[in-house]
Amino acid sequence: MKFSGGQIGFIIFFIVAFIGGLIWAYSKDKITNSKYYPGAWKMIIYVIAGFIGLFLMIKAAKSF
């Protein structure tokens, strides 16, 4: 499937605007989040580890 020049331009604009919005929102909430949620980074690690574990279990189940 080929994209037109306008579609590619919109995709690039959207990605840049979305990432810019995420960075702006994060920088705005950085102080508040560290004050009220001091151990939130641990939960992110646990969730990522859970997804990796689930992925590995599915891969192992498919290999049998």
PDB file of N, CA and C in Angstrom:
ATOM      1  N   MET A   1       0.850  -1.172   0.000  1.00  0.00           N
ATOM      2  CA  MET A   1       0.000   0.000   0.000  1.00  0.00           C
ATOM      3  C   MET A   1       0.895   1.234   0.000  1.00  0.00           C
ATOM      4  N   LYS A   2       0.685   2.089  -0.957  1.00  0.00           N
ATOM      5  CA  LYS A   2       1.483   3.300  -1.058  1.00  0.00           C
ATOM      6  C   LYS A   2       0.708   4.471  -0.469  1.00  0.00           C
ATOM      7  N   PHE A   3       1.460   5.350   0.142  1.00  0.00           N
ATOM      8  CA  PHE A   3       0.875   6.547   0.719  1.00  0.00           C
ATOM      9  C   PHE A   3       1.186   7.742  -0.175  1.00  0.00           C
ATOM     10  N   SER A   4       0.266   8.682  -0.208  1.00  0.00           N
ATOM     11  CA  SER A   4       0.512   9.905  -0.975  1.00  0.00           C
ATOM     12  C   SER A   4       1.410  10.843  -0.164  1.00  0.00           C
ATOM     13  N   GLY A   5       1.896  11.863  -0.804  1.00  0.00           N
ATOM     14  CA  GLY A   5       2.756  12.827  -0.122  1.00  0.00           C
ATOM     15  C   GLY A   5       2.055  13.527   1.029  1.00  0.00           C
ATOM     16  N   GLY A   6       0.769  13.829   0.832  1.00  0.00           N
ATOM     17  CA  GLY A   6      -0.002  14.477   1.889  1.00  0.00           C
ATOM     18  C   GLY A   6      -0.190  13.579   3.100  1.00  0.00           C
ATOM     19  N   GLN A   7      -0.422  12.297   2.853  1.00  0.00           N
ATOM     20  CA  GLN A   7      -0.592  11.352   3.952  1.00  0.00           C
ATOM     21  C   GLN A   7       0.705  11.189   4.741  1.00  0.00           C
ATOM     22  N   ILE A   8       1.819  11.100   4.049  1.00  0.00           N
ATOM     23  CA  ILE A   8       3.111  10.968   4.724  1.00  0.00           C
ATOM     24  C   ILE A   8       3.405  12.229   5.530  1.00  0.00           C
ATOM     25  N   GLY A   9       3.109  13.381   4.968  1.00  0.00           N
ATOM     26  CA  GLY A   9       3.288  14.637   5.695  1.00  0.00           C
ATOM     27  C   GLY A   9       2.446  14.690   6.957  1.00  0.00           C
ATOM     28  N   PHE A  10       1.195  14.248   6.853  1.00  0.00           N
ATOM     29  CA  PHE A  10       0.325  14.232   8.017  1.00  0.00           C
ATOM     30  C   PHE A  10       0.837  13.267   9.075  1.00  0.00           C
ATOM     31  N   ILE A  11       1.302  12.098   8.661  1.00  0.00           N
ATOM     32  CA  ILE A  11       1.834  11.115   9.610  1.00  0.00           C
ATOM     33  C   ILE A  11       3.024  11.700  10.361  1.00  0.00           C
ATOM     34  N   ILE A  12       3.936  12.322   9.638  1.00  0.00           N
ATOM     35  CA  ILE A  12       5.122  12.904  10.278  1.00  0.00           C
ATOM     36  C   ILE A  12       4.706  14.029  11.224  1.00  0.00           C
ATOM     37  N   PHE A  13       3.800  14.899  10.784  1.00  0.00           N
ATOM     38  CA  PHE A  13       3.318  15.983  11.640  1.00  0.00           C
ATOM     39  C   PHE A  13       2.648  15.432  12.891  1.00  0.00           C
ATOM     40  N   PHE A  14       1.810  14.415  12.738  1.00  0.00           N
ATOM     41  CA  PHE A  14       1.095  13.844  13.875  1.00  0.00           C
ATOM     42  C   PHE A  14       2.061  13.240  14.878  1.00  0.00           C
ATOM     43  N   ILE A  15       3.046  12.483  14.398  1.00  0.00           N
ATOM     44  CA  ILE A  15       4.007  11.843  15.301  1.00  0.00           C
ATOM     45  C   ILE A  15       4.800  12.903  16.067  1.00  0.00           C
ATOM     46  N   VAL A  16       5.271  13.922  15.362  1.00  0.00           N
ATOM     47  CA  VAL A  16       6.045  14.983  16.023  1.00  0.00           C
ATOM     48  C   VAL A  16       5.174  15.725  17.041  1.00  0.00           C
ATOM     49  N   ALA A  17       3.940  16.057  16.673  1.00  0.00           N
ATOM     50  CA  ALA A  17       3.046  16.771  17.583  1.00  0.00           C
ATOM     51  C   ALA A  17       2.691  15.904  18.792  1.00  0.00           C
ATOM     52  N   PHE A  18       2.462  14.616  18.582  1.00  0.00           N
ATOM     53  CA  PHE A  18       2.098  13.718  19.670  1.00  0.00           C
ATOM     54  C   PHE A  18       3.252  13.565  20.651  1.00  0.00           C
ATOM     55  N   ILE A  19       4.456  13.340  20.137  1.00  0.00           N
ATOM     56  CA  ILE A  19       5.620  13.205  21.012  1.00  0.00           C
ATOM     57  C   ILE A  19       5.890  14.518  21.735  1.00  0.00           C
ATOM     58  N   GLY A  20       5.739  15.638  21.042  1.00  0.00           N
ATOM     59  CA  GLY A  20       5.893  16.943  21.688  1.00  0.00           C
ATOM     60  C   GLY A  20       4.882  17.141  22.811  1.00  0.00           C
ATOM     61  N   GLY A  21       3.645  16.732  22.577  1.00  0.00           N
ATOM     62  CA  GLY A  21       2.618  16.829  23.622  1.00  0.00           C
ATOM     63  C   GLY A  21       2.927  15.943  24.813  1.00  0.00           C
ATOM     64  N   LEU A  22       3.433  14.744  24.558  1.00  0.00           N
ATOM     65  CA  LEU A  22       3.811  13.862  25.663  1.00  0.00           C
ATOM     66  C   LEU A  22       4.941  14.459  26.491  1.00  0.00           C
ATOM     67  N   ILE A  23       5.939  15.000  25.826  1.00  0.00           N
ATOM     68  CA  ILE A  23       7.067  15.606  26.544  1.00  0.00           C
ATOM     69  C   ILE A  23       6.596  16.812  27.358  1.00  0.00           C
ATOM     70  N   TRP A  24       5.744  17.640  26.765  1.00  0.00           N
ATOM     71  CA  TRP A  24       5.221  18.812  27.472  1.00  0.00           C
ATOM     72  C   TRP A  24       4.409  18.397  28.699  1.00  0.00           C
ATOM     73  N   ALA A  25       3.533  17.400  28.545  1.00  0.00           N
ATOM     74  CA  ALA A  25       2.704  16.952  29.662  1.00  0.00           C
ATOM     75  C   ALA A  25       3.564  16.322  30.756  1.00  0.00           C
ATOM     76  N   TYR A  26       4.571  15.549  30.368  1.00  0.00           N
ATOM     77  CA  TYR A  26       5.430  14.915  31.356  1.00  0.00           C
ATOM     78  C   TYR A  26       6.216  15.963  32.132  1.00  0.00           C
ATOM     79  N   SER A  27       6.770  16.940  31.426  1.00  0.00           N
ATOM     80  CA  SER A  27       7.559  17.954  32.118  1.00  0.00           C
ATOM     81  C   SER A  27       6.696  18.781  33.066  1.00  0.00           C
ATOM     82  N   LYS A  28       5.428  18.957  32.706  1.00  0.00           N
ATOM     83  CA  LYS A  28       4.508  19.706  33.556  1.00  0.00           C
ATOM     84  C   LYS A  28       4.161  18.929  34.832  1.00  0.00           C
ATOM     85  N   ASP A  29       4.014  17.614  34.715  1.00  0.00           N
ATOM     86  CA  ASP A  29       3.597  16.780  35.843  1.00  0.00           C
ATOM     87  C   ASP A  29       4.757  16.133  36.596  1.00  0.00           C
ATOM     88  N   LYS A  30       5.979  16.382  36.188  1.00  0.00           N
ATOM     89  CA  LYS A  30       7.128  15.708  36.774  1.00  0.00           C
ATOM     90  C   LYS A  30       7.253  15.963  38.285  1.00  0.00           C
ATOM     91  N   ILE A  31       7.103  17.199  38.704  1.00  0.00           N
ATOM     92  CA  ILE A  31       7.245  17.550  40.119  1.00  0.00           C
ATOM     93  C   ILE A  31       6.096  16.958  40.932  1.00  0.00           C
ATOM     94  N   THR A  32       4.885  17.073  40.427  1.00  0.00           N
ATOM     95  CA  THR A  32       3.721  16.552  41.142  1.00  0.00           C
ATOM     96  C   THR A  32       3.780  15.038  41.263  1.00  0.00           C
ATOM     97  N   ASN A  33       4.157  14.353  40.194  1.00  0.00           N
ATOM     98  CA  ASN A  33       4.205  12.899  40.239  1.00  0.00           C
ATOM     99  C   ASN A  33       5.251  12.397  41.213  1.00  0.00           C
ATOM    100  N   SER A  34       6.419  13.028  41.273  1.00  0.00           N
ATOM    101  CA  SER A  34       7.442  12.574  42.197  1.00  0.00           C
ATOM    102  C   SER A  34       7.052  12.857  43.644  1.00  0.00           C
ATOM    103  N   LYS A  35       6.183  13.848  43.855  1.00  0.00           N
ATOM    104  CA  LYS A  35       5.738  14.164  45.214  1.00  0.00           C
ATOM    105  C   LYS A  35       4.667  13.177  45.697  1.00  0.00           C
ATOM    106  N   TYR A  36       3.692  12.879  44.849  1.00  0.00           N
ATOM    107  CA  TYR A  36       2.568  12.045  45.268  1.00  0.00           C
ATOM    108  C   TYR A  36       2.735  10.570  44.943  1.00  0.00           C
ATOM    109  N   TYR A  37       3.568  10.225  43.978  1.00  0.00           N
ATOM    110  CA  TYR A  37       3.769   8.837  43.574  1.00  0.00           C
ATOM    111  C   TYR A  37       5.265   8.517  43.552  1.00  0.00           C
ATOM    112  N   PRO A  38       5.892   8.411  44.735  1.00  0.00           N
ATOM    113  CA  PRO A  38       7.351   8.266  44.753  1.00  0.00           C
ATOM    114  C   PRO A  38       7.862   6.939  44.198  1.00  0.00           C
ATOM    115  N   GLY A  39       7.089   5.860  44.235  1.00  0.00           N
ATOM    116  CA  GLY A  39       7.575   4.565  43.769  1.00  0.00           C
ATOM    117  C   GLY A  39       6.925   4.102  42.481  1.00  0.00           C
ATOM    118  N   ALA A  40       6.414   5.026  41.675  1.00  0.00           N
ATOM    119  CA  ALA A  40       5.687   4.647  40.462  1.00  0.00           C
ATOM    120  C   ALA A  40       6.582   3.970  39.447  1.00  0.00           C
ATOM    121  N   TRP A  41       7.856   4.305  39.409  1.00  0.00           N
ATOM    122  CA  TRP A  41       8.769   3.688  38.438  1.00  0.00           C
ATOM    123  C   TRP A  41       8.898   2.194  38.690  1.00  0.00           C
ATOM    124  N   LYS A  42       8.749   1.759  39.954  1.00  0.00           N
ATOM    125  CA  LYS A  42       8.811   0.318  40.245  1.00  0.00           C
ATOM    126  C   LYS A  42       7.638  -0.406  39.587  1.00  0.00           C
ATOM    127  N   MET A  43       6.469   0.207  39.626  1.00  0.00           N
ATOM    128  CA  MET A  43       5.286  -0.411  39.025  1.00  0.00           C
ATOM    129  C   MET A  43       5.459  -0.541  37.520  1.00  0.00           C
ATOM    130  N   ILE A  44       6.079   0.427  36.883  1.00  0.00           N
ATOM    131  CA  ILE A  44       6.331   0.346  35.449  1.00  0.00           C
ATOM    132  C   ILE A  44       7.243  -0.838  35.147  1.00  0.00           C
ATOM    133  N   ILE A  45       8.268  -1.030  35.968  1.00  0.00           N
ATOM    134  CA  ILE A  45       9.178  -2.165  35.787  1.00  0.00           C
ATOM    135  C   ILE A  45       8.419  -3.479  35.949  1.00  0.00           C
ATOM    136  N   TYR A  46       7.548  -3.564  36.955  1.00  0.00           N
ATOM    137  CA  TYR A  46       6.771  -4.793  37.177  1.00  0.00           C
ATOM    138  C   TYR A  46       5.841  -5.092  36.004  1.00  0.00           C
ATOM    139  N   VAL A  47       5.201  -4.068  35.465  1.00  0.00           N
ATOM    140  CA  VAL A  47       4.284  -4.273  34.337  1.00  0.00           C
ATOM    141  C   VAL A  47       5.054  -4.743  33.099  1.00  0.00           C
ATOM    142  N   ILE A  48       6.189  -4.113  32.829  1.00  0.00           N
ATOM    143  CA  ILE A  48       7.000  -4.526  31.679  1.00  0.00           C
ATOM    144  C   ILE A  48       7.501  -5.953  31.860  1.00  0.00           C
ATOM    145  N   ALA A  49       7.946  -6.287  33.077  1.00  0.00           N
ATOM    146  CA  ALA A  49       8.394  -7.654  33.348  1.00  0.00           C
ATOM    147  C   ALA A  49       7.243  -8.649  33.176  1.00  0.00           C
ATOM    148  N   GLY A  50       6.045  -8.262  33.576  1.00  0.00           N
ATOM    149  CA  GLY A  50       4.881  -9.136  33.401  1.00  0.00           C
ATOM    150  C   GLY A  50       4.572  -9.383  31.934  1.00  0.00           C
ATOM    151  N   PHE A  51       4.640  -8.334  31.122  1.00  0.00           N
ATOM    152  CA  PHE A  51       4.405  -8.498  29.687  1.00  0.00           C
ATOM    153  C   PHE A  51       5.473  -9.380  29.043  1.00  0.00           C
ATOM    154  N   ILE A  52       6.712  -9.194  29.449  1.00  0.00           N
ATOM    155  CA  ILE A  52       7.790 -10.037  28.907  1.00  0.00           C
ATOM    156  C   ILE A  52       7.581 -11.488  29.327  1.00  0.00           C
ATOM    157  N   GLY A  53       7.204 -11.701  30.584  1.00  0.00           N
ATOM    158  CA  GLY A  53       6.926 -13.057  31.046  1.00  0.00           C
ATOM    159  C   GLY A  53       5.778 -13.702  30.293  1.00  0.00           C
ATOM    160  N   LEU A  54       4.719 -12.962  30.074  1.00  0.00           N
ATOM    161  CA  LEU A  54       3.578 -13.476  29.320  1.00  0.00           C
ATOM    162  C   LEU A  54       3.979 -13.810  27.889  1.00  0.00           C
ATOM    163  N   PHE A  55       4.754 -12.931  27.271  1.00  0.00           N
ATOM    164  CA  PHE A  55       5.236 -13.168  25.917  1.00  0.00           C
ATOM    165  C   PHE A  55       6.070 -14.452  25.857  1.00  0.00           C
ATOM    166  N   LEU A  56       6.961 -14.637  26.825  1.00  0.00           N
ATOM    167  CA  LEU A  56       7.807 -15.836  26.838  1.00  0.00           C
ATOM    168  C   LEU A  56       6.988 -17.100  27.081  1.00  0.00           C
ATOM    169  N   MET A  57       5.968 -17.012  27.937  1.00  0.00           N
ATOM    170  CA  MET A  57       5.111 -18.181  28.169  1.00  0.00           C
ATOM    171  C   MET A  57       4.337 -18.554  26.913  1.00  0.00           C
ATOM    172  N   ILE A  58       3.847 -17.571  26.179  1.00  0.00           N
ATOM    173  CA  ILE A  58       3.114 -17.846  24.939  1.00  0.00           C
ATOM    174  C   ILE A  58       4.053 -18.453  23.904  1.00  0.00           C
ATOM    175  N   LYS A  59       5.271 -17.907  23.799  1.00  0.00           N
ATOM    176  CA  LYS A  59       6.246 -18.469  22.863  1.00  0.00           C
ATOM    177  C   LYS A  59       6.583 -19.906  23.227  1.00  0.00           C
ATOM    178  N   ALA A  60       6.749 -20.196  24.517  1.00  0.00           N
ATOM    179  CA  ALA A  60       7.054 -21.545  24.967  1.00  0.00           C
ATOM    180  C   ALA A  60       5.901 -22.502  24.695  1.00  0.00           C
ATOM    181  N   ALA A  61       4.664 -22.037  24.893  1.00  0.00           N
ATOM    182  CA  ALA A  61       3.491 -22.882  24.662  1.00  0.00           C
ATOM    183  C   ALA A  61       3.334 -23.200  23.173  1.00  0.00           C
ATOM    184  N   LYS A  62       3.670 -22.268  22.304  1.00  0.00           N
ATOM    185  CA  LYS A  62       3.541 -22.498  20.872  1.00  0.00           C
ATOM    186  C   LYS A  62       4.621 -23.436  20.346  1.00  0.00           C
ATOM    187  N   SER A  63       5.729 -23.538  21.060  1.00  0.00           N
ATOM    188  CA  SER A  63       6.826 -24.391  20.566  1.00  0.00           C
ATOM    189  C   SER A  63       6.564 -25.867  20.835  1.00  0.00           C
ATOM    190  N   PHE A  64       5.595 -26.195  21.662  1.00  0.00           N
ATOM    191  CA  PHE A  64       5.284 -27.612  21.944  1.00  0.00           C
ATOM    192  C   PHE A  64       4.298 -28.174  20.967  1.00  0.00           C
TER     193      PHE A  64
END
